[in-house]
Amino acid sequence: MLTQDRHCAILNLLKTKSSVTLLELTTLLNTSESTIRRDLTALDKAGKLRKVYGGATSIDFYTADEKDIHTKHDLQITEKNLIAKKAASLVKPHDLIYIDAGTTTELIIDHLTEKKATYITNGIIHAQKLTDKGFNAFIIGGQLKKSTGAIIGTTSIENLQPYNFTKGFFGTNGISLQAGFSTPDSVEACVKKTALKHCQEAYVLADSTKFDQITPITFANLEDAIIITDILKDKKYLDYTNIMEVL
């Protein structure tokens, strides 16, 4: 089969199922794994798909799945730590900081040094770590979502109303040009959306695997926040929002 024909077959398959594995492609196209890897690399560089470990996904891959905090904790840990360290460096004396629940935002606390700031969070683990380290910290009220360790619900939204945060740091499950910042849970999305609107400066912390991903509920548009991430292969997002890339 010609290279062009293989590329067309791969892209057509992605239109129907959003993700494919190397094994599926080698079987379907009766081609070696090394050839398929070269095809995926070429299509990734051309911006026609996203090459991932063990296969590929379509651009703006849609998923409603959400991993729990224990599963997500060690994923892209090096990148998350670099992103979190950069976020922590932005905290200044007398800031009123909001820290959203999430595994990347949790790592901010490991790098914080500013004791003259005040910290508000909806993350159970975050609140415990902040108080253990001697920071002035508060947790908003509401319902505990066990899988993410987040406090959510109408009470949470009501608790956020009086605050005027100088800076807020948020997690996200997906970033795309089409859907902005998104997350699978509509209730958790409402808390994120409310907190973000109460921030003078909003930052979304996301490693590069979160880009070109769409989950069910959009909680903010790309222009609503500055993204802190690792090095992006696809620079198209630089045209739509401010991005801090960390090494």
Protein backbone atom coordinates (compact mmCIF):
# COMPACT_ATOMS: atom_id res chain seq x y z
CA MET A 1 0.00 0.00 0.00
CA LEU A 2 1.28 3.46 -0.91
CA THR A 3 2.15 5.92 1.85
CA GLN A 4 -0.62 8.30 0.80
CA ASP A 5 -3.18 5.50 0.88
CA ARG A 6 -2.07 4.44 4.38
CA HIS A 7 -2.37 8.02 5.60
CA CYS A 8 -5.88 8.30 4.20
CA ALA A 9 -6.87 5.00 5.81
CA ILE A 10 -5.51 6.08 9.21
CA LEU A 11 -7.32 9.44 9.09
CA ASN A 12 -10.56 7.86 7.95
CA LEU A 13 -10.40 5.40 10.83
CA LEU A 14 -9.87 8.26 13.28
CA LYS A 15 -13.00 9.97 11.98
CA THR A 16 -15.06 7.00 13.14
CA LYS A 17 -13.47 6.11 16.50
CA SER A 18 -11.30 9.08 17.66
CA SER A 19 -8.38 6.89 18.75
CA VAL A 20 -6.44 3.95 17.30
CA THR A 21 -3.66 1.68 18.52
CA LEU A 22 -0.53 0.55 16.73
CA LEU A 23 -1.79 -3.03 16.84
CA GLU A 24 -5.07 -2.06 15.15
CA LEU A 25 -3.26 -0.20 12.40
CA THR A 26 -0.64 -2.87 11.70
CA THR A 27 -3.40 -5.49 11.46
CA LEU A 28 -5.76 -3.37 9.36
CA LEU A 29 -3.11 -2.13 6.94
CA ASN A 30 -1.00 -5.31 6.95
CA THR A 31 2.07 -3.16 7.58
CA SER A 32 5.00 -3.29 9.98
CA GLU A 33 4.92 -1.41 13.27
CA SER A 34 7.95 0.69 12.29
CA THR A 35 6.16 1.84 9.11
CA ILE A 36 3.03 2.77 11.05
CA ARG A 37 5.14 4.70 13.57
CA ARG A 38 6.68 6.70 10.73
CA ASP A 39 3.21 7.36 9.31
CA LEU A 40 1.91 8.59 12.65
CA THR A 41 4.96 10.81 13.14
CA ALA A 42 4.46 12.36 9.71
CA LEU A 43 0.73 12.93 10.27
CA ASP A 44 1.39 14.37 13.72
CA LYS A 45 3.93 16.85 12.30
CA ALA A 46 1.39 17.81 9.63
CA GLY A 47 -1.17 18.55 12.35
CA LYS A 48 -3.61 15.91 11.11
CA LEU A 49 -3.62 13.72 14.23
CA ARG A 50 -2.07 13.55 17.68
CA LYS A 51 0.52 10.83 18.18
CA VAL A 52 0.33 9.29 21.65
CA TYR A 53 1.95 6.36 23.40
CA GLY A 54 0.86 3.17 21.62
CA GLY A 55 -1.15 4.84 18.86
CA ALA A 56 -2.86 8.09 17.91
CA THR A 57 -5.93 10.22 18.58
CA SER A 58 -7.80 12.62 16.40
CA ILE A 59 -7.27 16.34 16.79
CA ASP A 60 -9.66 17.60 19.49
CA PHE A 61 -10.12 14.11 20.88
CA TYR A 62 -13.38 13.90 22.84
CA THR A 63 -13.66 11.93 26.05
CA ALA A 64 -16.12 11.86 28.94
CA ASP A 65 -13.88 9.66 31.09
CA GLU A 66 -12.25 11.04 34.20
CA LYS A 67 -9.43 9.26 36.03
CA ASP A 68 -9.41 9.44 39.82
CA ILE A 69 -6.74 11.41 41.68
CA HIS A 70 -4.69 8.31 42.52
CA THR A 71 -4.45 7.34 38.84
CA LYS A 72 -3.63 10.87 37.70
CA HIS A 73 -1.15 11.64 40.44
CA ASP A 74 1.99 10.25 38.77
CA LEU A 75 1.09 11.01 35.15
CA GLN A 76 3.48 13.55 33.53
CA ILE A 77 4.87 14.18 37.02
CA THR A 78 8.06 15.91 35.81
CA GLU A 79 6.10 18.34 33.65
CA LYS A 80 3.54 18.94 36.39
CA ASN A 81 6.25 19.83 38.89
CA LEU A 82 7.83 22.35 36.54
CA ILE A 83 4.44 23.91 35.85
CA ALA A 84 3.57 24.03 39.55
CA LYS A 85 6.92 25.60 40.44
CA LYS A 86 6.32 28.38 37.91
CA ALA A 87 2.83 29.00 39.31
CA ALA A 88 4.14 29.18 42.89
CA SER A 89 6.69 31.80 41.86
CA LEU A 90 3.85 34.13 40.83
CA VAL A 91 2.46 34.41 44.37
CA LYS A 92 3.31 37.73 46.05
CA PRO A 93 2.88 39.10 49.59
CA HIS A 94 -0.73 39.91 50.52
CA ASP A 95 -2.17 38.05 47.51
CA LEU A 96 -5.55 36.38 47.97
CA ILE A 97 -5.01 33.12 46.09
CA TYR A 98 -7.53 30.56 44.87
CA ILE A 99 -6.18 27.04 44.29
CA ASP A 100 -8.51 24.73 42.39
CA ALA A 101 -8.65 21.02 43.20
CA GLY A 102 -6.46 18.84 40.96
CA THR A 103 -3.18 16.92 40.89
CA THR A 104 -1.16 19.67 39.16
CA THR A 105 -2.52 22.45 41.36
CA GLU A 106 -1.76 20.34 44.43
CA LEU A 107 1.92 20.39 43.49
CA ILE A 108 1.96 24.19 43.71
CA ILE A 109 1.89 23.83 47.49
CA ASP A 110 5.18 21.92 47.46
CA HIS A 111 6.86 24.99 45.94
CA LEU A 112 5.10 27.80 47.83
CA THR A 113 7.19 30.04 50.08
CA GLU A 114 4.97 33.13 50.48
CA LYS A 115 3.54 33.10 54.03
CA LYS A 116 2.05 36.61 53.76
CA ALA A 117 -0.51 35.50 51.17
CA THR A 118 -3.90 33.98 51.98
CA TYR A 119 -5.00 30.78 50.26
CA ILE A 120 -8.53 29.59 49.50
CA THR A 121 -9.13 26.16 48.00
CA ASN A 122 -11.84 23.62 47.19
CA GLY A 123 -9.38 20.73 47.40
CA ILE A 124 -9.43 18.56 50.53
CA ILE A 125 -5.82 17.43 50.08
CA HIS A 126 -4.77 20.98 49.19
CA ALA A 127 -6.24 22.42 52.38
CA GLN A 128 -4.48 19.81 54.53
CA LYS A 129 -1.11 20.40 52.85
CA LEU A 130 -1.43 24.18 53.15
CA THR A 131 -2.18 24.04 56.87
CA ASP A 132 0.53 21.43 57.48
CA LYS A 133 3.06 23.81 55.92
CA GLY A 134 1.86 26.74 58.03
CA PHE A 135 0.10 28.79 55.38
CA ASN A 136 -2.98 30.91 56.10
CA ALA A 137 -5.55 28.69 54.38
CA PHE A 138 -9.32 28.30 54.09
CA ILE A 139 -11.48 25.68 52.42
CA ILE A 140 -14.88 26.43 50.91
CA GLY A 141 -17.92 24.42 51.99
CA GLY A 142 -20.01 22.03 49.95
CA GLN A 143 -20.22 18.42 48.83
CA LEU A 144 -17.09 16.25 48.62
CA LYS A 145 -16.48 14.58 45.26
CA LYS A 146 -14.47 11.52 46.26
CA SER A 147 -12.84 10.78 42.88
CA THR A 148 -11.17 14.20 42.62
CA GLY A 149 -11.07 15.31 46.26
CA ALA A 150 -12.93 18.49 45.26
CA ILE A 151 -15.59 20.36 47.21
CA ILE A 152 -18.42 21.15 44.79
CA GLY A 153 -22.11 22.09 44.61
CA THR A 154 -24.36 25.09 45.20
CA THR A 155 -22.94 25.75 48.67
CA SER A 156 -19.46 25.99 47.15
CA ILE A 157 -20.67 28.49 44.58
CA GLU A 158 -22.36 30.57 47.29
CA ASN A 159 -19.19 30.48 49.43
CA LEU A 160 -17.15 31.89 46.53
CA GLN A 161 -19.33 34.97 45.98
CA PRO A 162 -17.68 37.35 48.50
CA TYR A 163 -14.12 36.75 47.31
CA ASN A 164 -12.05 38.96 45.03
CA PHE A 165 -9.01 36.81 44.33
CA THR A 166 -5.85 38.49 43.10
CA LYS A 167 -4.79 35.25 41.40
CA GLY A 168 -6.35 31.87 40.78
CA PHE A 169 -4.74 28.60 39.68
CA PHE A 170 -6.97 26.06 37.96
CA GLY A 171 -6.76 22.54 36.61
CA THR A 172 -8.45 21.35 33.44
CA ASN A 173 -9.15 18.04 31.70
CA GLY A 174 -9.13 19.44 28.20
CA ILE A 175 -7.96 22.43 26.17
CA SER A 176 -9.09 23.02 22.60
CA LEU A 177 -9.70 25.86 20.17
CA GLN A 178 -13.25 24.65 19.75
CA ALA A 179 -14.29 24.11 23.39
CA GLY A 180 -11.83 26.16 25.45
CA PHE A 181 -11.13 24.76 28.94
CA SER A 182 -13.33 21.78 29.78
CA THR A 183 -13.99 19.17 32.45
CA PRO A 184 -16.27 16.09 32.57
CA ASP A 185 -18.43 17.06 35.58
CA SER A 186 -21.04 19.83 35.13
CA VAL A 187 -21.22 20.57 38.87
CA GLU A 188 -17.44 20.83 39.24
CA ALA A 189 -17.37 22.97 36.10
CA CYS A 190 -19.75 25.46 37.74
CA VAL A 191 -17.41 25.83 40.72
CA LYS A 192 -14.42 26.37 38.42
CA LYS A 193 -16.34 28.91 36.34
CA THR A 194 -17.48 30.87 39.38
CA ALA A 195 -14.05 30.97 41.02
CA LEU A 196 -12.35 31.98 37.78
CA LYS A 197 -14.74 34.91 37.31
CA HIS A 198 -13.73 36.18 40.76
CA CYS A 199 -10.00 36.30 39.86
CA GLN A 200 -8.11 39.37 38.74
CA GLU A 201 -5.58 37.04 37.13
CA ALA A 202 -6.49 33.45 36.23
CA TYR A 203 -3.99 30.73 35.34
CA VAL A 204 -4.76 27.27 34.00
CA LEU A 205 -2.08 24.68 34.76
CA ALA A 206 -1.95 21.91 32.17
CA ASP A 207 0.75 19.69 30.73
CA SER A 208 0.86 19.43 26.96
CA THR A 209 -1.17 16.18 26.84
CA LYS A 210 -4.28 18.20 27.79
CA PHE A 211 -4.22 20.13 24.50
CA ASP A 212 -6.54 19.16 21.64
CA GLN A 213 -8.75 17.40 24.20
CA ILE A 214 -12.46 18.06 24.70
CA THR A 215 -14.48 16.88 27.70
CA PRO A 216 -18.23 17.42 28.18
CA ILE A 217 -18.45 20.81 29.94
CA THR A 218 -16.65 24.06 29.08
CA PHE A 219 -15.93 26.21 32.13
CA ALA A 220 -13.96 29.04 30.47
CA ASN A 221 -12.84 30.33 27.10
CA LEU A 222 -9.16 30.33 26.12
CA GLU A 223 -8.90 34.11 26.44
CA ASP A 224 -10.14 33.98 30.05
CA ALA A 225 -6.88 32.63 31.49
CA ILE A 226 -3.14 32.38 31.02
CA ILE A 227 -1.96 28.82 30.43
CA ILE A 228 1.13 27.49 32.20
CA THR A 229 2.38 24.38 30.41
CA ASP A 230 5.47 22.54 29.24
CA ILE A 231 6.84 22.93 25.71
CA LEU A 232 4.14 22.74 23.05
CA LYS A 233 4.80 21.04 19.74
CA ASP A 234 1.83 22.80 18.15
CA LYS A 235 2.16 26.56 18.52
CA LYS A 236 -1.30 27.40 17.15
CA TYR A 237 -2.60 28.11 20.66
CA LEU A 238 -0.22 31.07 20.98
CA ASP A 239 -2.52 32.97 18.62
CA TYR A 240 -5.53 32.60 20.94
CA THR A 241 -4.30 33.06 24.50
CA ASN A 242 -1.26 33.91 26.62
CA ILE A 243 0.88 30.86 27.31
CA MET A 244 3.85 30.41 29.65
CA GLU A 245 5.99 27.47 28.55
CA VAL A 246 8.35 26.05 31.16
CA LEU A 247 11.46 24.00 30.51
